[in-house]
Amino acid sequence: MSATLHILLLFLSWVAVAAGCHVFIRNYFLASFVAACAIVIITQAAGYLELGHLDPYWQVSALTGFFMAGIVALMVGLPFRVKRTMKDDDV
């Protein structure tokens, strides 16, 4: 597989995990935090399965990945937040 396809699959899996967290957890920031943590764990596990060992700088990649995944989770959660806010206003 090409590197572009790897990055696209990684991004799509991040979006799927973030959307799943936002569906099941109503609190916007808690869902984003849980999604970012889950994404980091999944990414590190995928790297371990591919390489057979953890990356020597896994702490740095986990921290960087947490911030990137957090941004993705916050952006994915915006439609959920708007929908829930509008639903609460209509009541």
PDB file of N, CA and C in Angstrom:
ATOM      1  N   MET A   1       0.835  -1.184   0.000  1.00  0.00           N
ATOM      2  CA  MET A   1       0.000   0.000   0.000  1.00  0.00           C
ATOM      3  C   MET A   1       0.876   1.243   0.000  1.00  0.00           C
ATOM      4  N   SER A   2       0.377   2.252  -0.644  1.00  0.00           N
ATOM      5  CA  SER A   2       1.149   3.488  -0.701  1.00  0.00           C
ATOM      6  C   SER A   2       1.009   4.255   0.609  1.00  0.00           C
ATOM      7  N   ALA A   3       1.910   5.176   0.811  1.00  0.00           N
ATOM      8  CA  ALA A   3       1.896   5.984   2.033  1.00  0.00           C
ATOM      9  C   ALA A   3       0.650   6.860   2.096  1.00  0.00           C
ATOM     10  N   THR A   4       0.190   7.328   0.954  1.00  0.00           N
ATOM     11  CA  THR A   4      -1.014   8.164   0.931  1.00  0.00           C
ATOM     12  C   THR A   4      -2.232   7.374   1.386  1.00  0.00           C
ATOM     13  N   LEU A   5      -2.324   6.138   0.954  1.00  0.00           N
ATOM     14  CA  LEU A   5      -3.439   5.292   1.357  1.00  0.00           C
ATOM     15  C   LEU A   5      -3.373   4.977   2.851  1.00  0.00           C
ATOM     16  N   HIS A   6      -2.179   4.771   3.385  1.00  0.00           N
ATOM     17  CA  HIS A   6      -2.003   4.548   4.819  1.00  0.00           C
ATOM     18  C   HIS A   6      -2.501   5.745   5.621  1.00  0.00           C
ATOM     19  N   ILE A   7      -2.127   6.935   5.206  1.00  0.00           N
ATOM     20  CA  ILE A   7      -2.539   8.146   5.921  1.00  0.00           C
ATOM     21  C   ILE A   7      -4.050   8.342   5.812  1.00  0.00           C
ATOM     22  N   LEU A   8      -4.623   8.070   4.652  1.00  0.00           N
ATOM     23  CA  LEU A   8      -6.059   8.193   4.472  1.00  0.00           C
ATOM     24  C   LEU A   8      -6.814   7.204   5.365  1.00  0.00           C
ATOM     25  N   LEU A   9      -6.356   5.963   5.415  1.00  0.00           N
ATOM     26  CA  LEU A   9      -6.989   4.970   6.292  1.00  0.00           C
ATOM     27  C   LEU A   9      -6.835   5.341   7.760  1.00  0.00           C
ATOM     28  N   LEU A  10      -5.694   5.880   8.127  1.00  0.00           N
ATOM     29  CA  LEU A  10      -5.479   6.322   9.501  1.00  0.00           C
ATOM     30  C   LEU A  10      -6.457   7.434   9.855  1.00  0.00           C
ATOM     31  N   PHE A  11      -6.591   8.414   8.977  1.00  0.00           N
ATOM     32  CA  PHE A  11      -7.499   9.533   9.229  1.00  0.00           C
ATOM     33  C   PHE A  11      -8.949   9.059   9.301  1.00  0.00           C
ATOM     34  N   LEU A  12      -9.353   8.173   8.404  1.00  0.00           N
ATOM     35  CA  LEU A  12     -10.726   7.659   8.421  1.00  0.00           C
ATOM     36  C   LEU A  12     -11.007   6.858   9.682  1.00  0.00           C
ATOM     37  N   SER A  13     -10.021   6.112  10.163  1.00  0.00           N
ATOM     38  CA  SER A  13     -10.229   5.374  11.408  1.00  0.00           C
ATOM     39  C   SER A  13     -10.330   6.330  12.588  1.00  0.00           C
ATOM     40  N   TRP A  14      -9.572   7.413  12.565  1.00  0.00           N
ATOM     41  CA  TRP A  14      -9.686   8.427  13.623  1.00  0.00           C
ATOM     42  C   TRP A  14     -11.072   9.043  13.627  1.00  0.00           C
ATOM     43  N   VAL A  15     -11.591   9.363  12.456  1.00  0.00           N
ATOM     44  CA  VAL A  15     -12.920   9.956  12.355  1.00  0.00           C
ATOM     45  C   VAL A  15     -13.976   8.970  12.841  1.00  0.00           C
ATOM     46  N   ALA A  16     -13.834   7.693  12.481  1.00  0.00           N
ATOM     47  CA  ALA A  16     -14.809   6.683  12.904  1.00  0.00           C
ATOM     48  C   ALA A  16     -14.814   6.512  14.423  1.00  0.00           C
ATOM     49  N   VAL A  17     -13.635   6.457  15.034  1.00  0.00           N
ATOM     50  CA  VAL A  17     -13.555   6.310  16.487  1.00  0.00           C
ATOM     51  C   VAL A  17     -14.131   7.547  17.172  1.00  0.00           C
ATOM     52  N   ALA A  18     -13.800   8.715  16.672  1.00  0.00           N
ATOM     53  CA  ALA A  18     -14.313   9.949  17.271  1.00  0.00           C
ATOM     54  C   ALA A  18     -15.833  10.024  17.141  1.00  0.00           C
ATOM     55  N   ALA A  19     -16.363   9.659  15.986  1.00  0.00           N
ATOM     56  CA  ALA A  19     -17.823   9.684  15.805  1.00  0.00           C
ATOM     57  C   ALA A  19     -18.492   8.681  16.731  1.00  0.00           C
ATOM     58  N   GLY A  20     -17.903   7.507  16.871  1.00  0.00           N
ATOM     59  CA  GLY A  20     -18.462   6.510  17.787  1.00  0.00           C
ATOM     60  C   GLY A  20     -18.484   6.998  19.221  1.00  0.00           C
ATOM     61  N   CYS A  21     -17.429   7.654  19.646  1.00  0.00           N
ATOM     62  CA  CYS A  21     -17.390   8.193  21.009  1.00  0.00           C
ATOM     63  C   CYS A  21     -18.432   9.287  21.195  1.00  0.00           C
ATOM     64  N   HIS A  22     -18.612  10.134  20.207  1.00  0.00           N
ATOM     65  CA  HIS A  22     -19.576  11.218  20.328  1.00  0.00           C
ATOM     66  C   HIS A  22     -21.020  10.711  20.268  1.00  0.00           C
ATOM     67  N   VAL A  23     -21.235   9.572  19.627  1.00  0.00           N
ATOM     68  CA  VAL A  23     -22.573   8.992  19.603  1.00  0.00           C
ATOM     69  C   VAL A  23     -22.950   8.471  20.991  1.00  0.00           C
ATOM     70  N   PHE A  24     -22.002   7.812  21.655  1.00  0.00           N
ATOM     71  CA  PHE A  24     -22.317   7.138  22.914  1.00  0.00           C
ATOM     72  C   PHE A  24     -22.090   7.987  24.161  1.00  0.00           C
ATOM     73  N   ILE A  25     -21.280   9.036  24.066  1.00  0.00           N
ATOM     74  CA  ILE A  25     -21.009   9.903  25.223  1.00  0.00           C
ATOM     75  C   ILE A  25     -21.576  11.280  24.912  1.00  0.00           C
ATOM     76  N   ARG A  26     -22.492  11.741  25.740  1.00  0.00           N
ATOM     77  CA  ARG A  26     -23.176  13.017  25.462  1.00  0.00           C
ATOM     78  C   ARG A  26     -22.310  14.236  25.753  1.00  0.00           C
ATOM     79  N   ASN A  27     -21.423  14.159  26.727  1.00  0.00           N
ATOM     80  CA  ASN A  27     -20.578  15.298  27.078  1.00  0.00           C
ATOM     81  C   ASN A  27     -19.531  15.501  25.970  1.00  0.00           C
ATOM     82  N   TYR A  28     -19.533  16.690  25.386  1.00  0.00           N
ATOM     83  CA  TYR A  28     -18.686  16.984  24.222  1.00  0.00           C
ATOM     84  C   TYR A  28     -17.196  16.820  24.530  1.00  0.00           C
ATOM     85  N   PHE A  29     -16.736  17.433  25.621  1.00  0.00           N
ATOM     86  CA  PHE A  29     -15.304  17.396  25.923  1.00  0.00           C
ATOM     87  C   PHE A  29     -14.868  16.031  26.432  1.00  0.00           C
ATOM     88  N   LEU A  30     -15.721  15.357  27.194  1.00  0.00           N
ATOM     89  CA  LEU A  30     -15.388  14.007  27.658  1.00  0.00           C
ATOM     90  C   LEU A  30     -15.308  13.047  26.474  1.00  0.00           C
ATOM     91  N   ALA A  31     -16.239  13.158  25.549  1.00  0.00           N
ATOM     92  CA  ALA A  31     -16.214  12.299  24.361  1.00  0.00           C
ATOM     93  C   ALA A  31     -14.963  12.557  23.527  1.00  0.00           C
ATOM     94  N   SER A  32     -14.567  13.813  23.415  1.00  0.00           N
ATOM     95  CA  SER A  32     -13.355  14.148  22.656  1.00  0.00           C
ATOM     96  C   SER A  32     -12.107  13.600  23.347  1.00  0.00           C
ATOM     97  N   PHE A  33     -12.068  13.705  24.674  1.00  0.00           N
ATOM     98  CA  PHE A  33     -10.918  13.186  25.427  1.00  0.00           C
ATOM     99  C   PHE A  33     -10.828  11.670  25.306  1.00  0.00           C
ATOM    100  N   VAL A  34     -11.950  10.988  25.470  1.00  0.00           N
ATOM    101  CA  VAL A  34     -11.966   9.524  25.354  1.00  0.00           C
ATOM    102  C   VAL A  34     -11.575   9.096  23.943  1.00  0.00           C
ATOM    103  N   ALA A  35     -12.075   9.809  22.949  1.00  0.00           N
ATOM    104  CA  ALA A  35     -11.735   9.489  21.565  1.00  0.00           C
ATOM    105  C   ALA A  35     -10.238   9.675  21.311  1.00  0.00           C
ATOM    106  N   ALA A  36      -9.667  10.760  21.799  1.00  0.00           N
ATOM    107  CA  ALA A  36      -8.232  11.001  21.600  1.00  0.00           C
ATOM    108  C   ALA A  36      -7.406   9.917  22.278  1.00  0.00           C
ATOM    109  N   CYS A  37      -7.775   9.533  23.488  1.00  0.00           N
ATOM    110  CA  CYS A  37      -7.052   8.453  24.185  1.00  0.00           C
ATOM    111  C   CYS A  37      -7.169   7.130  23.444  1.00  0.00           C
ATOM    112  N   ALA A  38      -8.391   6.816  22.985  1.00  0.00           N
ATOM    113  CA  ALA A  38      -8.597   5.568  22.255  1.00  0.00           C
ATOM    114  C   ALA A  38      -7.823   5.550  20.944  1.00  0.00           C
ATOM    115  N   ILE A  39      -7.797   6.675  20.268  1.00  0.00           N
ATOM    116  CA  ILE A  39      -7.075   6.763  18.997  1.00  0.00           C
ATOM    117  C   ILE A  39      -5.576   6.559  19.208  1.00  0.00           C
ATOM    118  N   VAL A  40      -5.032   7.143  20.264  1.00  0.00           N
ATOM    119  CA  VAL A  40      -3.603   6.963  20.548  1.00  0.00           C
ATOM    120  C   VAL A  40      -3.300   5.505  20.842  1.00  0.00           C
ATOM    121  N   ILE A  41      -4.142   4.865  21.629  1.00  0.00           N
ATOM    122  CA  ILE A  41      -3.918   3.448  21.964  1.00  0.00           C
ATOM    123  C   ILE A  41      -4.002   2.585  20.708  1.00  0.00           C
ATOM    124  N   ILE A  42      -4.997   2.850  19.876  1.00  0.00           N
ATOM    125  CA  ILE A  42      -5.146   2.074  18.645  1.00  0.00           C
ATOM    126  C   ILE A  42      -3.961   2.297  17.706  1.00  0.00           C
ATOM    127  N   THR A  43      -3.513   3.537  17.583  1.00  0.00           N
ATOM    128  CA  THR A  43      -2.379   3.837  16.714  1.00  0.00           C
ATOM    129  C   THR A  43      -1.097   3.178  17.213  1.00  0.00           C
ATOM    130  N   GLN A  44      -0.861   3.227  18.521  1.00  0.00           N
ATOM    131  CA  GLN A  44       0.332   2.588  19.082  1.00  0.00           C
ATOM    132  C   GLN A  44       0.260   1.067  18.925  1.00  0.00           C
ATOM    133  N   ALA A  45      -0.932   0.501  19.107  1.00  0.00           N
ATOM    134  CA  ALA A  45      -1.096  -0.947  18.939  1.00  0.00           C
ATOM    135  C   ALA A  45      -0.872  -1.360  17.490  1.00  0.00           C
ATOM    136  N   ALA A  46      -1.363  -0.546  16.553  1.00  0.00           N
ATOM    137  CA  ALA A  46      -1.153  -0.850  15.132  1.00  0.00           C
ATOM    138  C   ALA A  46       0.335  -0.792  14.782  1.00  0.00           C
ATOM    139  N   GLY A  47       1.034   0.192  15.325  1.00  0.00           N
ATOM    140  CA  GLY A  47       2.480   0.271  15.103  1.00  0.00           C
ATOM    141  C   GLY A  47       3.213  -0.915  15.699  1.00  0.00           C
ATOM    142  N   TYR A  48       2.782  -1.343  16.863  1.00  0.00           N
ATOM    143  CA  TYR A  48       3.400  -2.514  17.507  1.00  0.00           C
ATOM    144  C   TYR A  48       3.163  -3.771  16.675  1.00  0.00           C
ATOM    145  N   LEU A  49       1.934  -3.929  16.183  1.00  0.00           N
ATOM    146  CA  LEU A  49       1.631  -5.109  15.375  1.00  0.00           C
ATOM    147  C   LEU A  49       2.395  -5.101  14.054  1.00  0.00           C
ATOM    148  N   GLU A  50       2.606  -3.927  13.499  1.00  0.00           N
ATOM    149  CA  GLU A  50       3.320  -3.843  12.223  1.00  0.00           C
ATOM    150  C   GLU A  50       4.828  -4.055  12.398  1.00  0.00           C
ATOM    151  N   LEU A  51       5.405  -3.436  13.432  1.00  0.00           N
ATOM    152  CA  LEU A  51       6.856  -3.507  13.616  1.00  0.00           C
ATOM    153  C   LEU A  51       7.307  -4.681  14.470  1.00  0.00           C
ATOM    154  N   GLY A  52       6.439  -5.144  15.362  1.00  0.00           N
ATOM    155  CA  GLY A  52       6.822  -6.211  16.281  1.00  0.00           C
ATOM    156  C   GLY A  52       7.391  -5.681  17.587  1.00  0.00           C
ATOM    157  N   HIS A  53       7.532  -4.378  17.708  1.00  0.00           N
ATOM    158  CA  HIS A  53       7.997  -3.735  18.944  1.00  0.00           C
ATOM    159  C   HIS A  53       7.502  -2.294  18.935  1.00  0.00           C
ATOM    160  N   LEU A  54       7.497  -1.690  20.125  1.00  0.00           N
ATOM    161  CA  LEU A  54       7.097  -0.288  20.199  1.00  0.00           C
ATOM    162  C   LEU A  54       8.173   0.606  19.592  1.00  0.00           C
ATOM    163  N   ASP A  55       7.728   1.696  19.044  1.00  0.00           N
ATOM    164  CA  ASP A  55       8.645   2.702  18.532  1.00  0.00           C
ATOM    165  C   ASP A  55       9.521   3.187  19.690  1.00  0.00           C
ATOM    166  N   PRO A  56      10.832   3.370  19.481  1.00  0.00           N
ATOM    167  CA  PRO A  56      11.684   3.840  20.578  1.00  0.00           C
ATOM    168  C   PRO A  56      11.239   5.175  21.165  1.00  0.00           C
ATOM    169  N   TYR A  57      10.600   5.989  20.386  1.00  0.00           N
ATOM    170  CA  TYR A  57      10.116   7.291  20.861  1.00  0.00           C
ATOM    171  C   TYR A  57       8.589   7.295  20.945  1.00  0.00           C
ATOM    172  N   TRP A  58       8.016   6.229  21.473  1.00  0.00           N
ATOM    173  CA  TRP A  58       6.580   6.096  21.512  1.00  0.00           C
ATOM    174  C   TRP A  58       5.930   7.162  22.386  1.00  0.00           C
ATOM    175  N   GLN A  59       6.644   7.654  23.397  1.00  0.00           N
ATOM    176  CA  GLN A  59       6.066   8.692  24.254  1.00  0.00           C
ATOM    177  C   GLN A  59       5.820   9.975  23.455  1.00  0.00           C
ATOM    178  N   VAL A  60       6.789  10.329  22.627  1.00  0.00           N
ATOM    179  CA  VAL A  60       6.669  11.531  21.807  1.00  0.00           C
ATOM    180  C   VAL A  60       5.554  11.358  20.782  1.00  0.00           C
ATOM    181  N   SER A  61       5.508  10.205  20.128  1.00  0.00           N
ATOM    182  CA  SER A  61       4.456   9.988  19.135  1.00  0.00           C
ATOM    183  C   SER A  61       3.084   9.894  19.788  1.00  0.00           C
ATOM    184  N   ALA A  62       3.011   9.361  21.005  1.00  0.00           N
ATOM    185  CA  ALA A  62       1.727   9.294  21.700  1.00  0.00           C
ATOM    186  C   ALA A  62       1.241  10.694  22.075  1.00  0.00           C
ATOM    187  N   LEU A  63       2.128  11.537  22.558  1.00  0.00           N
ATOM    188  CA  LEU A  63       1.745  12.893  22.932  1.00  0.00           C
ATOM    189  C   LEU A  63       1.344  13.711  21.702  1.00  0.00           C
ATOM    190  N   THR A  64       2.121  13.609  20.650  1.00  0.00           N
ATOM    191  CA  THR A  64       1.798  14.316  19.412  1.00  0.00           C
ATOM    192  C   THR A  64       0.499  13.797  18.821  1.00  0.00           C
ATOM    193  N   GLY A  65       0.349  12.487  18.822  1.00  0.00           N
ATOM    194  CA  GLY A  65      -0.877  11.881  18.310  1.00  0.00           C
ATOM    195  C   GLY A  65      -2.094  12.263  19.122  1.00  0.00           C
ATOM    196  N   PHE A  66      -1.917  12.426  20.445  1.00  0.00           N
ATOM    197  CA  PHE A  66      -3.025  12.833  21.296  1.00  0.00           C
ATOM    198  C   PHE A  66      -3.528  14.218  20.905  1.00  0.00           C
ATOM    199  N   PHE A  67      -2.626  15.144  20.663  1.00  0.00           N
ATOM    200  CA  PHE A  67      -3.046  16.487  20.274  1.00  0.00           C
ATOM    201  C   PHE A  67      -3.695  16.491  18.888  1.00  0.00           C
ATOM    202  N   MET A  68      -3.125  15.746  17.945  1.00  0.00           N
ATOM    203  CA  MET A  68      -3.725  15.687  16.612  1.00  0.00           C
ATOM    204  C   MET A  68      -5.084  15.001  16.652  1.00  0.00           C
ATOM    205  N   ALA A  69      -5.172  13.896  17.389  1.00  0.00           N
ATOM    206  CA  ALA A  69      -6.438  13.175  17.498  1.00  0.00           C
ATOM    207  C   ALA A  69      -7.462  13.994  18.267  1.00  0.00           C
ATOM    208  N   GLY A  70      -7.004  14.776  19.228  1.00  0.00           N
ATOM    209  CA  GLY A  70      -7.911  15.641  19.973  1.00  0.00           C
ATOM    210  C   GLY A  70      -8.537  16.692  19.079  1.00  0.00           C
ATOM    211  N   ILE A  71      -7.748  17.255  18.182  1.00  0.00           N
ATOM    212  CA  ILE A  71      -8.277  18.242  17.241  1.00  0.00           C
ATOM    213  C   ILE A  71      -9.300  17.589  16.315  1.00  0.00           C
ATOM    214  N   VAL A  72      -8.984  16.391  15.823  1.00  0.00           N
ATOM    215  CA  VAL A  72      -9.926  15.677  14.955  1.00  0.00           C
ATOM    216  C   VAL A  72     -11.203  15.351  15.726  1.00  0.00           C
ATOM    217  N   ALA A  73     -11.068  14.893  16.967  1.00  0.00           N
ATOM    218  CA  ALA A  73     -12.245  14.534  17.768  1.00  0.00           C
ATOM    219  C   ALA A  73     -13.107  15.757  18.067  1.00  0.00           C
ATOM    220  N   LEU A  74     -12.469  16.890  18.336  1.00  0.00           N
ATOM    221  CA  LEU A  74     -13.241  18.110  18.577  1.00  0.00           C
ATOM    222  C   LEU A  74     -13.993  18.540  17.320  1.00  0.00           C
ATOM    223  N   MET A  75     -13.358  18.426  16.173  1.00  0.00           N
ATOM    224  CA  MET A  75     -14.012  18.820  14.921  1.00  0.00           C
ATOM    225  C   MET A  75     -15.134  17.853  14.549  1.00  0.00           C
ATOM    226  N   VAL A  76     -14.917  16.565  14.762  1.00  0.00           N
ATOM    227  CA  VAL A  76     -15.953  15.577  14.455  1.00  0.00           C
ATOM    228  C   VAL A  76     -17.145  15.752  15.390  1.00  0.00           C
ATOM    229  N   GLY A  77     -16.889  16.166  16.620  1.00  0.00           N
ATOM    230  CA  GLY A  77     -17.952  16.307  17.594  1.00  0.00           C
ATOM    231  C   GLY A  77     -18.796  17.553  17.442  1.00  0.00           C
ATOM    232  N   LEU A  78     -18.367  18.512  16.649  1.00  0.00           N
ATOM    233  CA  LEU A  78     -19.144  19.747  16.488  1.00  0.00           C
ATOM    234  C   LEU A  78     -20.568  19.515  15.983  1.00  0.00           C
ATOM    235  N   PRO A  79     -20.768  18.708  14.948  1.00  0.00           N
ATOM    236  CA  PRO A  79     -22.163  18.477  14.523  1.00  0.00           C
ATOM    237  C   PRO A  79     -23.014  17.821  15.613  1.00  0.00           C
ATOM    238  N   PHE A  80     -22.416  16.928  16.394  1.00  0.00           N
ATOM    239  CA  PHE A  80     -23.142  16.292  17.487  1.00  0.00           C
ATOM    240  C   PHE A  80     -23.522  17.329  18.543  1.00  0.00           C
ATOM    241  N   ARG A  81     -22.594  18.217  18.839  1.00  0.00           N
ATOM    242  CA  ARG A  81     -22.865  19.254  19.838  1.00  0.00           C
ATOM    243  C   ARG A  81     -23.955  20.209  19.360  1.00  0.00           C
ATOM    244  N   VAL A  82     -23.879  20.606  18.106  1.00  0.00           N
ATOM    245  CA  VAL A  82     -24.891  21.508  17.563  1.00  0.00           C
ATOM    246  C   VAL A  82     -26.258  20.828  17.572  1.00  0.00           C
ATOM    247  N   LYS A  83     -26.304  19.575  17.152  1.00  0.00           N
ATOM    248  CA  LYS A  83     -27.567  18.839  17.124  1.00  0.00           C
ATOM    249  C   LYS A  83     -28.160  18.721  18.522  1.00  0.00           C
ATOM    250  N   ARG A  84     -27.332  18.404  19.500  1.00  0.00           N
ATOM    251  CA  ARG A  84     -27.840  18.259  20.865  1.00  0.00           C
ATOM    252  C   ARG A  84     -28.238  19.599  21.458  1.00  0.00           C
ATOM    253  N   THR A  85     -27.531  20.641  21.124  1.00  0.00           N
ATOM    254  CA  THR A  85     -27.870  21.985  21.620  1.00  0.00           C
ATOM    255  C   THR A  85     -29.192  22.453  21.000  1.00  0.00           C
ATOM    256  N   MET A  86     -29.356  22.242  19.717  1.00  0.00           N
ATOM    257  CA  MET A  86     -30.595  22.641  19.050  1.00  0.00           C
ATOM    258  C   MET A  86     -31.777  21.824  19.564  1.00  0.00           C
ATOM    259  N   LYS A  87     -31.533  20.556  19.842  1.00  0.00           N
ATOM    260  CA  LYS A  87     -32.590  19.689  20.352  1.00  0.00           C
ATOM    261  C   LYS A  87     -33.026  20.157  21.734  1.00  0.00           C
ATOM    262  N   ASP A  88     -32.079  20.570  22.573  1.00  0.00           N
ATOM    263  CA  ASP A  88     -32.406  21.070  23.919  1.00  0.00           C
ATOM    264  C   ASP A  88     -33.129  22.399  23.850  1.00  0.00           C
ATOM    265  N   ASP A  89     -32.836  23.245  22.859  1.00  0.00           N
ATOM    266  CA  ASP A  89     -33.501  24.531  22.726  1.00  0.00           C
ATOM    267  C   ASP A  89     -34.956  24.379  22.270  1.00  0.00           C
ATOM    268  N   ASP A  90     -35.217  23.345  21.494  1.00  0.00           N
ATOM    269  CA  ASP A  90     -36.573  23.140  20.973  1.00  0.00           C
ATOM    270  C   ASP A  90     -37.532  22.650  22.052  1.00  0.00           C
ATOM    271  N   VAL A  91     -37.007  22.116  23.129  1.00  0.00           N
ATOM    272  CA  VAL A  91     -37.879  21.543  24.179  1.00  0.00           C
ATOM    273  C   VAL A  91     -38.502  22.588  25.032  1.00  0.00           C
TER     274      VAL A  91
END
